[in-house]
Amino acid sequence: MDFTYVSDFVDAIILLINNWEKTKNKSFNISGEQETNLYWLARYIKWKTNSKSEIKFYPQEIAQPQQVKVNINDLKSYGYKPKINIQEGVNLLLDFYKHERY
Protein backbone atom coordinates (compact mmCIF):
# COMPACT_ATOMS: atom_id res chain seq x y z
CA MET A 1 0.00 0.00 0.00
CA ASP A 2 1.05 3.58 -0.54
CA PHE A 3 0.34 5.94 2.36
CA THR A 4 0.54 9.73 2.57
CA TYR A 5 0.98 11.67 5.79
CA VAL A 6 -1.59 14.43 6.23
CA SER A 7 0.94 17.30 6.16
CA ASP A 8 2.34 16.02 2.84
CA PHE A 9 -1.19 15.81 1.47
CA VAL A 10 -1.90 19.40 2.54
CA ASP A 11 1.42 20.56 1.03
CA ALA A 12 0.42 18.98 -2.29
CA ILE A 13 -3.00 20.64 -2.27
CA ILE A 14 -1.47 24.06 -1.47
CA LEU A 15 1.11 23.58 -4.23
CA LEU A 16 -1.64 22.80 -6.74
CA ILE A 17 -3.73 25.78 -5.61
CA ASN A 18 -0.70 28.06 -5.91
CA ASN A 19 -0.24 26.82 -9.48
CA TRP A 20 -3.95 26.95 -10.28
CA GLU A 21 -3.61 28.38 -13.78
CA LYS A 22 -1.41 25.45 -14.81
CA THR A 23 -3.10 22.73 -12.75
CA LYS A 24 -6.83 23.48 -13.05
CA ASN A 25 -8.88 20.81 -14.78
CA LYS A 26 -6.10 18.25 -14.31
CA SER A 27 -5.97 15.31 -11.94
CA PHE A 28 -2.97 14.45 -9.80
CA ASN A 29 -1.98 11.49 -7.65
CA ILE A 30 -0.80 12.41 -4.16
CA SER A 31 1.41 9.91 -2.42
CA GLY A 32 4.13 9.45 0.15
CA GLU A 33 5.92 7.57 -2.62
CA GLN A 34 6.84 4.65 -0.38
CA GLU A 35 5.09 1.35 -1.03
CA THR A 36 4.53 -0.41 2.28
CA ASN A 37 3.66 -4.00 3.07
CA LEU A 38 0.63 -4.08 5.41
CA TYR A 39 2.05 -6.98 7.41
CA TRP A 40 5.26 -4.99 8.01
CA LEU A 41 3.15 -1.96 9.02
CA ALA A 42 1.08 -4.02 11.48
CA ARG A 43 4.23 -5.49 13.04
CA TYR A 44 5.81 -2.02 13.28
CA ILE A 45 2.75 -0.60 15.05
CA LYS A 46 2.66 -3.59 17.42
CA TRP A 47 6.34 -3.06 18.22
CA LYS A 48 5.97 0.72 18.74
CA THR A 49 2.96 0.29 21.02
CA ASN A 50 4.09 -2.87 22.83
CA SER A 51 0.78 -4.37 21.75
CA LYS A 52 0.01 -8.02 22.36
CA SER A 53 -2.68 -7.93 19.67
CA GLU A 54 -2.80 -10.79 17.20
CA ILE A 55 -2.32 -10.02 13.52
CA LYS A 56 -5.03 -11.89 11.64
CA PHE A 57 -4.87 -12.87 8.01
CA TYR A 58 -7.90 -13.11 5.75
CA PRO A 59 -8.18 -14.31 2.15
CA GLN A 60 -7.23 -11.69 -0.42
CA GLU A 61 -10.06 -9.79 -2.00
CA ILE A 62 -9.88 -10.44 -5.71
CA ALA A 63 -11.18 -6.96 -6.59
CA GLN A 64 -8.55 -5.23 -4.44
CA PRO A 65 -5.04 -4.66 -5.79
CA GLN A 66 -2.41 -6.35 -3.66
CA GLN A 67 0.31 -3.88 -4.58
CA VAL A 68 -0.17 -0.15 -4.92
CA LYS A 69 2.54 2.35 -5.82
CA VAL A 70 1.14 5.62 -7.08
CA ASN A 71 2.92 7.55 -9.83
CA ILE A 72 3.38 11.17 -8.70
CA ASN A 73 5.65 12.38 -11.50
CA ASP A 74 3.12 15.01 -12.65
CA LEU A 75 2.89 16.43 -9.13
CA LYS A 76 6.68 16.32 -8.69
CA SER A 77 7.06 18.45 -11.83
CA TYR A 78 5.53 21.30 -9.77
CA GLY A 79 8.04 20.79 -6.97
CA TYR A 80 6.22 18.34 -4.71
CA LYS A 81 8.35 16.06 -2.59
CA PRO A 82 6.89 14.10 0.34
CA LYS A 83 8.68 14.84 3.60
CA ILE A 84 7.26 12.27 6.04
CA ASN A 85 8.08 8.59 5.49
CA ILE A 86 5.89 5.79 6.81
CA GLN A 87 7.86 5.26 10.03
CA GLU A 88 7.86 8.97 10.86
CA GLY A 89 4.16 9.15 10.05
CA VAL A 90 3.29 6.27 12.37
CA ASN A 91 5.46 7.77 15.13
CA LEU A 92 3.81 11.19 14.75
CA LEU A 93 0.36 9.61 14.80
CA LEU A 94 1.12 7.54 17.89
CA ASP A 95 2.58 10.60 19.63
CA PHE A 96 -0.56 12.57 18.79
CA TYR A 97 -2.79 9.89 20.32
CA LYS A 98 -0.63 9.67 23.45
CA HIS A 99 -1.25 13.34 24.15
CA GLU A 100 -4.82 13.65 22.88
CA ARG A 101 -7.45 13.93 25.60
CA TYR A 102 -10.97 12.76 24.84
PDB file of N, CA and C in Angstrom:
ATOM      1  N   MET A   1       0.846  -1.170   0.000  1.00  0.00           N
ATOM      2  CA  MET A   1       0.000   0.000   0.000  1.00  0.00           C
ATOM      3  C   MET A   1       0.893   1.235   0.000  1.00  0.00           C
ATOM      4  N   ASP A   2       0.324   2.325  -0.426  1.00  0.00           N
ATOM      5  CA  ASP A   2       1.055   3.584  -0.537  1.00  0.00           C
ATOM      6  C   ASP A   2       0.337   4.617   0.327  1.00  0.00           C
ATOM      7  N   PHE A   3       0.956   5.022   1.413  1.00  0.00           N
ATOM      8  CA  PHE A   3       0.342   5.939   2.362  1.00  0.00           C
ATOM      9  C   PHE A   3       0.912   7.345   2.217  1.00  0.00           C
ATOM     10  N   THR A   4       0.119   8.335   2.614  1.00  0.00           N
ATOM     11  CA  THR A   4       0.538   9.727   2.567  1.00  0.00           C
ATOM     12  C   THR A   4       0.231  10.359   3.915  1.00  0.00           C
ATOM     13  N   TYR A   5       1.224  10.991   4.522  1.00  0.00           N
ATOM     14  CA  TYR A   5       0.977  11.673   5.788  1.00  0.00           C
ATOM     15  C   TYR A   5       0.187  12.945   5.514  1.00  0.00           C
ATOM     16  N   VAL A   6      -0.663  13.321   6.437  1.00  0.00           N
ATOM     17  CA  VAL A   6      -1.595  14.429   6.229  1.00  0.00           C
ATOM     18  C   VAL A   6      -0.886  15.735   5.870  1.00  0.00           C
ATOM     19  N   SER A   7       0.253  16.038   6.474  1.00  0.00           N
ATOM     20  CA  SER A   7       0.940  17.297   6.156  1.00  0.00           C
ATOM     21  C   SER A   7       1.488  17.278   4.721  1.00  0.00           C
ATOM     22  N   ASP A   8       1.909  16.124   4.234  1.00  0.00           N
ATOM     23  CA  ASP A   8       2.342  16.017   2.842  1.00  0.00           C
ATOM     24  C   ASP A   8       1.156  16.200   1.899  1.00  0.00           C
ATOM     25  N   PHE A   9       0.020  15.649   2.278  1.00  0.00           N
ATOM     26  CA  PHE A   9      -1.189  15.811   1.471  1.00  0.00           C
ATOM     27  C   PHE A   9      -1.574  17.284   1.386  1.00  0.00           C
ATOM     28  N   VAL A  10      -1.561  17.969   2.513  1.00  0.00           N
ATOM     29  CA  VAL A  10      -1.896  19.397   2.544  1.00  0.00           C
ATOM     30  C   VAL A  10      -0.889  20.191   1.713  1.00  0.00           C
ATOM     31  N   ASP A  11       0.400  19.876   1.846  1.00  0.00           N
ATOM     32  CA  ASP A  11       1.421  20.556   1.034  1.00  0.00           C
ATOM     33  C   ASP A  11       1.127  20.407  -0.457  1.00  0.00           C
ATOM     34  N   ALA A  12       0.723  19.213  -0.876  1.00  0.00           N
ATOM     35  CA  ALA A  12       0.422  18.979  -2.293  1.00  0.00           C
ATOM     36  C   ALA A  12      -0.777  19.815  -2.737  1.00  0.00           C
ATOM     37  N   ILE A  13      -1.808  19.862  -1.925  1.00  0.00           N
ATOM     38  CA  ILE A  13      -2.996  20.645  -2.272  1.00  0.00           C
ATOM     39  C   ILE A  13      -2.647  22.126  -2.384  1.00  0.00           C
ATOM     40  N   ILE A  14      -1.883  22.643  -1.425  1.00  0.00           N
ATOM     41  CA  ILE A  14      -1.473  24.055  -1.467  1.00  0.00           C
ATOM     42  C   ILE A  14      -0.629  24.327  -2.711  1.00  0.00           C
ATOM     43  N   LEU A  15       0.281  23.429  -3.030  1.00  0.00           N
ATOM     44  CA  LEU A  15       1.112  23.580  -4.227  1.00  0.00           C
ATOM     45  C   LEU A  15       0.242  23.657  -5.482  1.00  0.00           C
ATOM     46  N   LEU A  16      -0.754  22.795  -5.570  1.00  0.00           N
ATOM     47  CA  LEU A  16      -1.638  22.797  -6.738  1.00  0.00           C
ATOM     48  C   LEU A  16      -2.492  24.063  -6.794  1.00  0.00           C
ATOM     49  N   ILE A  17      -2.949  24.528  -5.652  1.00  0.00           N
ATOM     50  CA  ILE A  17      -3.726  25.777  -5.615  1.00  0.00           C
ATOM     51  C   ILE A  17      -2.853  26.951  -6.028  1.00  0.00           C
ATOM     52  N   ASN A  18      -1.622  26.975  -5.555  1.00  0.00           N
ATOM     53  CA  ASN A  18      -0.703  28.062  -5.905  1.00  0.00           C
ATOM     54  C   ASN A  18      -0.313  28.057  -7.381  1.00  0.00           C
ATOM     55  N   ASN A  19      -0.518  26.933  -8.047  1.00  0.00           N
ATOM     56  CA  ASN A  19      -0.241  26.817  -9.483  1.00  0.00           C
ATOM     57  C   ASN A  19      -1.538  26.613 -10.265  1.00  0.00           C
ATOM     58  N   TRP A  20      -2.600  27.200  -9.769  1.00  0.00           N
ATOM     59  CA  TRP A  20      -3.947  26.947 -10.279  1.00  0.00           C
ATOM     60  C   TRP A  20      -4.063  27.123 -11.791  1.00  0.00           C
ATOM     61  N   GLU A  21      -3.482  28.145 -12.341  1.00  0.00           N
ATOM     62  CA  GLU A  21      -3.614  28.382 -13.781  1.00  0.00           C
ATOM     63  C   GLU A  21      -3.045  27.228 -14.604  1.00  0.00           C
ATOM     64  N   LYS A  22      -2.022  26.568 -14.092  1.00  0.00           N
ATOM     65  CA  LYS A  22      -1.410  25.446 -14.811  1.00  0.00           C
ATOM     66  C   LYS A  22      -2.055  24.107 -14.452  1.00  0.00           C
ATOM     67  N   THR A  23      -2.629  24.024 -13.249  1.00  0.00           N
ATOM     68  CA  THR A  23      -3.102  22.727 -12.754  1.00  0.00           C
ATOM     69  C   THR A  23      -4.611  22.544 -12.818  1.00  0.00           C
ATOM     70  N   LYS A  24      -5.360  23.623 -13.054  1.00  0.00           N
ATOM     71  CA  LYS A  24      -6.825  23.479 -13.053  1.00  0.00           C
ATOM     72  C   LYS A  24      -7.253  22.503 -14.155  1.00  0.00           C
ATOM     73  N   ASN A  25      -8.307  21.801 -13.867  1.00  0.00           N
ATOM     74  CA  ASN A  25      -8.884  20.808 -14.782  1.00  0.00           C
ATOM     75  C   ASN A  25      -7.961  19.623 -15.055  1.00  0.00           C
ATOM     76  N   LYS A  26      -6.973  19.413 -14.197  1.00  0.00           N
ATOM     77  CA  LYS A  26      -6.099  18.245 -14.305  1.00  0.00           C
ATOM     78  C   LYS A  26      -6.257  17.417 -13.032  1.00  0.00           C
ATOM     79  N   SER A  27      -5.957  16.150 -13.133  1.00  0.00           N
ATOM     80  CA  SER A  27      -5.971  15.306 -11.939  1.00  0.00           C
ATOM     81  C   SER A  27      -4.537  14.915 -11.591  1.00  0.00           C
ATOM     82  N   PHE A  28      -4.292  14.776 -10.297  1.00  0.00           N
ATOM     83  CA  PHE A  28      -2.966  14.445  -9.804  1.00  0.00           C
ATOM     84  C   PHE A  28      -3.074  13.367  -8.740  1.00  0.00           C
ATOM     85  N   ASN A  29      -2.129  12.445  -8.739  1.00  0.00           N
ATOM     86  CA  ASN A  29      -1.982  11.494  -7.648  1.00  0.00           C
ATOM     87  C   ASN A  29      -1.176  12.159  -6.553  1.00  0.00           C
ATOM     88  N   ILE A  30      -1.566  11.932  -5.311  1.00  0.00           N
ATOM     89  CA  ILE A  30      -0.801  12.414  -4.164  1.00  0.00           C
ATOM     90  C   ILE A  30      -0.384  11.188  -3.376  1.00  0.00           C
ATOM     91  N   SER A  31       0.897  11.106  -3.062  1.00  0.00           N
ATOM     92  CA  SER A  31       1.415   9.907  -2.425  1.00  0.00           C
ATOM     93  C   SER A  31       2.646  10.227  -1.607  1.00  0.00           C
ATOM     94  N   GLY A  32       2.885   9.387  -0.612  1.00  0.00           N
ATOM     95  CA  GLY A  32       4.126   9.454   0.147  1.00  0.00           C
ATOM     96  C   GLY A  32       5.268   8.809  -0.599  1.00  0.00           C
ATOM     97  N   GLU A  33       4.960   8.181  -1.703  1.00  0.00           N
ATOM     98  CA  GLU A  33       5.922   7.571  -2.621  1.00  0.00           C
ATOM     99  C   GLU A  33       6.751   6.459  -1.968  1.00  0.00           C
ATOM    100  N   GLN A  34       6.143   5.753  -1.029  1.00  0.00           N
ATOM    101  CA  GLN A  34       6.837   4.646  -0.378  1.00  0.00           C
ATOM    102  C   GLN A  34       5.850   3.491  -0.242  1.00  0.00           C
ATOM    103  N   GLU A  35       5.976   2.508  -1.106  1.00  0.00           N
ATOM    104  CA  GLU A  35       5.093   1.353  -1.029  1.00  0.00           C
ATOM    105  C   GLU A  35       5.404   0.583   0.255  1.00  0.00           C
ATOM    106  N   THR A  36       4.359   0.222   0.984  1.00  0.00           N
ATOM    107  CA  THR A  36       4.531  -0.412   2.282  1.00  0.00           C
ATOM    108  C   THR A  36       3.703  -1.681   2.370  1.00  0.00           C
ATOM    109  N   ASN A  37       4.321  -2.733   2.837  1.00  0.00           N
ATOM    110  CA  ASN A  37       3.655  -4.003   3.071  1.00  0.00           C
ATOM    111  C   ASN A  37       2.808  -3.877   4.337  1.00  0.00           C
ATOM    112  N   LEU A  38       1.525  -4.237   4.259  1.00  0.00           N
ATOM    113  CA  LEU A  38       0.633  -4.083   5.411  1.00  0.00           C
ATOM    114  C   LEU A  38       1.047  -4.954   6.596  1.00  0.00           C
ATOM    115  N   TYR A  39       1.590  -6.129   6.318  1.00  0.00           N
ATOM    116  CA  TYR A  39       2.054  -6.981   7.415  1.00  0.00           C
ATOM    117  C   TYR A  39       3.215  -6.309   8.141  1.00  0.00           C
ATOM    118  N   TRP A  40       4.148  -5.726   7.390  1.00  0.00           N
ATOM    119  CA  TRP A  40       5.257  -4.987   8.013  1.00  0.00           C
ATOM    120  C   TRP A  40       4.704  -3.839   8.849  1.00  0.00           C
ATOM    121  N   LEU A  41       3.730  -3.097   8.312  1.00  0.00           N
ATOM    122  CA  LEU A  41       3.148  -1.960   9.024  1.00  0.00           C
ATOM    123  C   LEU A  41       2.479  -2.411  10.324  1.00  0.00           C
ATOM    124  N   ALA A  42       1.738  -3.498  10.273  1.00  0.00           N
ATOM    125  CA  ALA A  42       1.081  -4.021  11.480  1.00  0.00           C
ATOM    126  C   ALA A  42       2.114  -4.426  12.530  1.00  0.00           C
ATOM    127  N   ARG A  43       3.168  -5.103  12.097  1.00  0.00           N
ATOM    128  CA  ARG A  43       4.230  -5.490  13.040  1.00  0.00           C
ATOM    129  C   ARG A  43       4.920  -4.263  13.623  1.00  0.00           C
ATOM    130  N   TYR A  44       5.161  -3.245  12.815  1.00  0.00           N
ATOM    131  CA  TYR A  44       5.815  -2.022  13.279  1.00  0.00           C
ATOM    132  C   TYR A  44       4.952  -1.327  14.337  1.00  0.00           C
ATOM    133  N   ILE A  45       3.652  -1.234  14.080  1.00  0.00           N
ATOM    134  CA  ILE A  45       2.750  -0.597  15.054  1.00  0.00           C
ATOM    135  C   ILE A  45       2.703  -1.419  16.341  1.00  0.00           C
ATOM    136  N   LYS A  46       2.635  -2.744  16.211  1.00  0.00           N
ATOM    137  CA  LYS A  46       2.664  -3.586  17.418  1.00  0.00           C
ATOM    138  C   LYS A  46       3.931  -3.346  18.223  1.00  0.00           C
ATOM    139  N   TRP A  47       5.055  -3.270  17.551  1.00  0.00           N
ATOM    140  CA  TRP A  47       6.343  -3.056  18.219  1.00  0.00           C
ATOM    141  C   TRP A  47       6.373  -1.687  18.899  1.00  0.00           C
ATOM    142  N   LYS A  48       5.926  -0.641  18.192  1.00  0.00           N
ATOM    143  CA  LYS A  48       5.972   0.720  18.739  1.00  0.00           C
ATOM    144  C   LYS A  48       5.034   0.884  19.928  1.00  0.00           C
ATOM    145  N   THR A  49       3.957   0.133  19.965  1.00  0.00           N
ATOM    146  CA  THR A  49       2.959   0.286  21.022  1.00  0.00           C
ATOM    147  C   THR A  49       3.041  -0.801  22.087  1.00  0.00           C
ATOM    148  N   ASN A  50       3.982  -1.721  21.928  1.00  0.00           N
ATOM    149  CA  ASN A  50       4.090  -2.872  22.834  1.00  0.00           C
ATOM    150  C   ASN A  50       2.777  -3.650  22.910  1.00  0.00           C
ATOM    151  N   SER A  51       2.080  -3.704  21.802  1.00  0.00           N
ATOM    152  CA  SER A  51       0.782  -4.372  21.755  1.00  0.00           C
ATOM    153  C   SER A  51       0.957  -5.888  21.740  1.00  0.00           C
ATOM    154  N   LYS A  52       0.051  -6.556  22.383  1.00  0.00           N
ATOM    155  CA  LYS A  52       0.006  -8.021  22.359  1.00  0.00           C
ATOM    156  C   LYS A  52      -1.079  -8.512  21.398  1.00  0.00           C
ATOM    157  N   SER A  53      -1.630  -7.588  20.623  1.00  0.00           N
ATOM    158  CA  SER A  53      -2.685  -7.933  19.666  1.00  0.00           C
ATOM    159  C   SER A  53      -2.188  -8.961  18.659  1.00  0.00           C
ATOM    160  N   GLU A  54      -3.107  -9.790  18.215  1.00  0.00           N
ATOM    161  CA  GLU A  54      -2.803 -10.788  17.197  1.00  0.00           C
ATOM    162  C   GLU A  54      -3.026 -10.170  15.824  1.00  0.00           C
ATOM    163  N   ILE A  55      -2.122 -10.442  14.904  1.00  0.00           N
ATOM    164  CA  ILE A  55      -2.319 -10.018  13.520  1.00  0.00           C
ATOM    165  C   ILE A  55      -3.037 -11.161  12.812  1.00  0.00           C
ATOM    166  N   LYS A  56      -4.229 -10.871  12.303  1.00  0.00           N
ATOM    167  CA  LYS A  56      -5.031 -11.893  11.635  1.00  0.00           C
ATOM    168  C   LYS A  56      -4.919 -11.737  10.126  1.00  0.00           C
ATOM    169  N   PHE A  57      -4.934 -12.853   9.459  1.00  0.00           N
ATOM    170  CA  PHE A  57      -4.875 -12.873   8.007  1.00  0.00           C
ATOM    171  C   PHE A  57      -6.206 -13.364   7.460  1.00  0.00           C
ATOM    172  N   TYR A  58      -6.671 -12.727   6.414  1.00  0.00           N
ATOM    173  CA  TYR A  58      -7.900 -13.112   5.746  1.00  0.00           C
ATOM    174  C   TYR A  58      -7.591 -13.331   4.269  1.00  0.00           C
ATOM    175  N   PRO A  59      -8.428 -14.096   3.586  1.00  0.00           N
ATOM    176  CA  PRO A  59      -8.185 -14.309   2.155  1.00  0.00           C
ATOM    177  C   PRO A  59      -8.158 -12.974   1.406  1.00  0.00           C
ATOM    178  N   GLN A  60      -7.316 -12.908   0.385  1.00  0.00           N
ATOM    179  CA  GLN A  60      -7.229 -11.691  -0.420  1.00  0.00           C
ATOM    180  C   GLN A  60      -8.540 -11.448  -1.138  1.00  0.00           C
ATOM    181  N   GLU A  61      -8.896 -10.161  -1.214  1.00  0.00           N
ATOM    182  CA  GLU A  61     -10.057  -9.791  -2.000  1.00  0.00           C
ATOM    183  C   GLU A  61      -9.612  -9.686  -3.451  1.00  0.00           C
ATOM    184  N   ILE A  62     -10.283 -10.400  -4.306  1.00  0.00           N
ATOM    185  CA  ILE A  62      -9.881 -10.437  -5.710  1.00  0.00           C
ATOM    186  C   ILE A  62      -9.977  -9.056  -6.354  1.00  0.00           C
ATOM    187  N   ALA A  63     -10.980  -8.272  -5.971  1.00  0.00           N
ATOM    188  CA  ALA A  63     -11.184  -6.962  -6.590  1.00  0.00           C
ATOM    189  C   ALA A  63     -10.184  -5.915  -6.091  1.00  0.00           C
ATOM    190  N   GLN A  64      -9.482  -6.196  -5.008  1.00  0.00           N
ATOM    191  CA  GLN A  64      -8.548  -5.231  -4.435  1.00  0.00           C
ATOM    192  C   GLN A  64      -7.137  -5.497  -4.934  1.00  0.00           C
ATOM    193  N   PRO A  65      -6.442  -4.452  -5.375  1.00  0.00           N
ATOM    194  CA  PRO A  65      -5.044  -4.655  -5.786  1.00  0.00           C
ATOM    195  C   PRO A  65      -4.193  -5.018  -4.571  1.00  0.00           C
ATOM    196  N   GLN A  66      -3.261  -5.918  -4.764  1.00  0.00           N
ATOM    197  CA  GLN A  66      -2.412  -6.350  -3.657  1.00  0.00           C
ATOM    198  C   GLN A  66      -1.143  -5.515  -3.557  1.00  0.00           C
ATOM    199  N   GLN A  67      -0.828  -4.800  -4.612  1.00  0.00           N
ATOM    200  CA  GLN A  67       0.307  -3.882  -4.579  1.00  0.00           C
ATOM    201  C   GLN A  67      -0.159  -2.554  -5.138  1.00  0.00           C
ATOM    202  N   VAL A  68       0.204  -1.478  -4.455  1.00  0.00           N
ATOM    203  CA  VAL A  68      -0.173  -0.151  -4.918  1.00  0.00           C
ATOM    204  C   VAL A  68       1.022   0.777  -4.749  1.00  0.00           C
ATOM    205  N   LYS A  69       1.530   1.298  -5.834  1.00  0.00           N
ATOM    206  CA  LYS A  69       2.543   2.352  -5.819  1.00  0.00           C
ATOM    207  C   LYS A  69       2.058   3.399  -6.801  1.00  0.00           C
ATOM    208  N   VAL A  70       1.750   4.560  -6.280  1.00  0.00           N
ATOM    209  CA  VAL A  70       1.144   5.621  -7.076  1.00  0.00           C
ATOM    210  C   VAL A  70       2.227   6.432  -7.779  1.00  0.00           C
ATOM    211  N   ASN A  71       2.003   6.732  -9.049  1.00  0.00           N
ATOM    212  CA  ASN A  71       2.924   7.549  -9.828  1.00  0.00           C
ATOM    213  C   ASN A  71       2.612   9.028  -9.567  1.00  0.00           C
ATOM    214  N   ILE A  72       3.586   9.761  -9.002  1.00  0.00           N
ATOM    215  CA  ILE A  72       3.377  11.174  -8.697  1.00  0.00           C
ATOM    216  C   ILE A  72       4.278  12.077  -9.533  1.00  0.00           C
ATOM    217  N   ASN A  73       4.746  11.581 -10.668  1.00  0.00           N
ATOM    218  CA  ASN A  73       5.652  12.375 -11.502  1.00  0.00           C
ATOM    219  C   ASN A  73       5.046  13.706 -11.925  1.00  0.00           C
ATOM    220  N   ASP A  74       3.749  13.744 -12.271  1.00  0.00           N
ATOM    221  CA  ASP A  74       3.119  15.013 -12.654  1.00  0.00           C
ATOM    222  C   ASP A  74       3.166  16.010 -11.500  1.00  0.00           C
ATOM    223  N   LEU A  75       2.866  15.558 -10.310  1.00  0.00           N
ATOM    224  CA  LEU A  75       2.891  16.433  -9.135  1.00  0.00           C
ATOM    225  C   LEU A  75       4.315  16.882  -8.817  1.00  0.00           C
ATOM    226  N   LYS A  76       5.271  15.977  -8.954  1.00  0.00           N
ATOM    227  CA  LYS A  76       6.677  16.319  -8.695  1.00  0.00           C
ATOM    228  C   LYS A  76       7.188  17.384  -9.665  1.00  0.00           C
ATOM    229  N   SER A  77       6.623  17.443 -10.860  1.00  0.00           N
ATOM    230  CA  SER A  77       7.057  18.449 -11.830  1.00  0.00           C
ATOM    231  C   SER A  77       6.727  19.867 -11.366  1.00  0.00           C
ATOM    232  N   TYR A  78       5.852  19.990 -10.369  1.00  0.00           N
ATOM    233  CA  TYR A  78       5.526  21.295  -9.773  1.00  0.00           C
ATOM    234  C   TYR A  78       6.304  21.535  -8.472  1.00  0.00           C
ATOM    235  N   GLY A  79       7.196  20.614  -8.136  1.00  0.00           N
ATOM    236  CA  GLY A  79       8.045  20.792  -6.968  1.00  0.00           C
ATOM    237  C   GLY A  79       7.644  19.998  -5.741  1.00  0.00           C
ATOM    238  N   TYR A  80       6.650  19.133  -5.865  1.00  0.00           N
ATOM    239  CA  TYR A  80       6.224  18.337  -4.707  1.00  0.00           C
ATOM    240  C   TYR A  80       7.248  17.274  -4.374  1.00  0.00           C
ATOM    241  N   LYS A  81       7.523  17.143  -3.087  1.00  0.00           N
ATOM    242  CA  LYS A  81       8.354  16.056  -2.585  1.00  0.00           C
ATOM    243  C   LYS A  81       7.839  15.705  -1.197  1.00  0.00           C
ATOM    244  N   PRO A  82       7.367  14.472  -0.994  1.00  0.00           N
ATOM    245  CA  PRO A  82       6.890  14.096   0.339  1.00  0.00           C
ATOM    246  C   PRO A  82       8.020  14.190   1.357  1.00  0.00           C
ATOM    247  N   LYS A  83       7.670  14.646   2.557  1.00  0.00           N
ATOM    248  CA  LYS A  83       8.676  14.845   3.601  1.00  0.00           C
ATOM    249  C   LYS A  83       8.616  13.777   4.702  1.00  0.00           C
ATOM    250  N   ILE A  84       7.460  13.194   4.911  1.00  0.00           N
ATOM    251  CA  ILE A  84       7.261  12.271   6.035  1.00  0.00           C
ATOM    252  C   ILE A  84       7.173  10.834   5.513  1.00  0.00           C
ATOM    253  N   ASN A  85       8.146   9.991   5.909  1.00  0.00           N
ATOM    254  CA  ASN A  85       8.075   8.588   5.487  1.00  0.00           C
ATOM    255  C   ASN A  85       7.137   7.813   6.410  1.00  0.00           C
ATOM    256  N   ILE A  86       6.899   6.571   6.082  1.00  0.00           N
ATOM    257  CA  ILE A  86       5.892   5.787   6.807  1.00  0.00           C
ATOM    258  C   ILE A  86       6.229   5.635   8.293  1.00  0.00           C
ATOM    259  N   GLN A  87       7.508   5.405   8.624  1.00  0.00           N
ATOM    260  CA  GLN A  87       7.863   5.260  10.033  1.00  0.00           C
ATOM    261  C   GLN A  87       7.643   6.567  10.800  1.00  0.00           C
ATOM    262  N   GLU A  88       8.074   7.680  10.218  1.00  0.00           N
ATOM    263  CA  GLU A  88       7.861   8.972  10.864  1.00  0.00           C
ATOM    264  C   GLU A  88       6.372   9.248  11.020  1.00  0.00           C
ATOM    265  N   GLY A  89       5.596   8.925   9.993  1.00  0.00           N
ATOM    266  CA  GLY A  89       4.157   9.155  10.052  1.00  0.00           C
ATOM    267  C   GLY A  89       3.492   8.358  11.164  1.00  0.00           C
ATOM    268  N   VAL A  90       3.855   7.095  11.295  1.00  0.00           N
ATOM    269  CA  VAL A  90       3.295   6.269  12.374  1.00  0.00           C
ATOM    270  C   VAL A  90       3.712   6.843  13.726  1.00  0.00           C
ATOM    271  N   ASN A  91       4.979   7.217  13.856  1.00  0.00           N
ATOM    272  CA  ASN A  91       5.460   7.774  15.127  1.00  0.00           C
ATOM    273  C   ASN A  91       4.735   9.068  15.484  1.00  0.00           C
ATOM    274  N   LEU A  92       4.534   9.938  14.499  1.00  0.00           N
ATOM    275  CA  LEU A  92       3.809  11.187  14.748  1.00  0.00           C
ATOM    276  C   LEU A  92       2.364  10.915  15.143  1.00  0.00           C
ATOM    277  N   LEU A  93       1.734   9.967  14.473  1.00  0.00           N
ATOM    278  CA  LEU A  93       0.357   9.614  14.799  1.00  0.00           C
ATOM    279  C   LEU A  93       0.247   9.036  16.204  1.00  0.00           C
ATOM    280  N   LEU A  94       1.149   8.130  16.550  1.00  0.00           N
ATOM    281  CA  LEU A  94       1.119   7.544  17.894  1.00  0.00           C
ATOM    282  C   LEU A  94       1.382   8.603  18.957  1.00  0.00           C
ATOM    283  N   ASP A  95       2.306   9.510  18.691  1.00  0.00           N
ATOM    284  CA  ASP A  95       2.584  10.597  19.627  1.00  0.00           C
ATOM    285  C   ASP A  95       1.358  11.482  19.808  1.00  0.00           C
ATOM    286  N   PHE A  96       0.661  11.767  18.712  1.00  0.00           N
ATOM    287  CA  PHE A  96      -0.560  12.567  18.794  1.00  0.00           C
ATOM    288  C   PHE A  96      -1.569  11.884  19.708  1.00  0.00           C
ATOM    289  N   TYR A  97      -1.799  10.598  19.511  1.00  0.00           N
ATOM    290  CA  TYR A  97      -2.793   9.889  20.316  1.00  0.00           C
ATOM    291  C   TYR A  97      -2.377   9.751  21.776  1.00  0.00           C
ATOM    292  N   LYS A  98      -1.080   9.712  22.061  1.00  0.00           N
ATOM    293  CA  LYS A  98      -0.626   9.667  23.448  1.00  0.00           C
ATOM    294  C   LYS A  98      -1.012  10.929  24.198  1.00  0.00           C
ATOM    295  N   HIS A  99      -1.021  12.061  23.501  1.00  0.00           N
ATOM    296  CA  HIS A  99      -1.247  13.343  24.149  1.00  0.00           C
ATOM    297  C   HIS A  99      -2.666  13.869  23.950  1.00  0.00           C
ATOM    298  N   GLU A 100      -3.451  13.207  23.142  1.00  0.00           N
ATOM    299  CA  GLU A 100      -4.821  13.649  22.882  1.00  0.00           C
ATOM    300  C   GLU A 100      -5.713  13.258  24.058  1.00  0.00           C
ATOM    301  N   ARG A 101      -6.513  14.197  24.494  1.00  0.00           N
ATOM    302  CA  ARG A 101      -7.446  13.933  25.596  1.00  0.00           C
ATOM    303  C   ARG A 101      -8.863  13.913  25.032  1.00  0.00           C
ATOM    304  N   TYR A 102      -9.612  12.863  25.345  1.00  0.00           N
ATOM    305  CA  TYR A 102     -10.975  12.761  24.837  1.00  0.00           C
ATOM    306  C   TYR A 102     -11.950  13.211  25.888  1.00  0.00           C
TER     307      TYR A 102
END
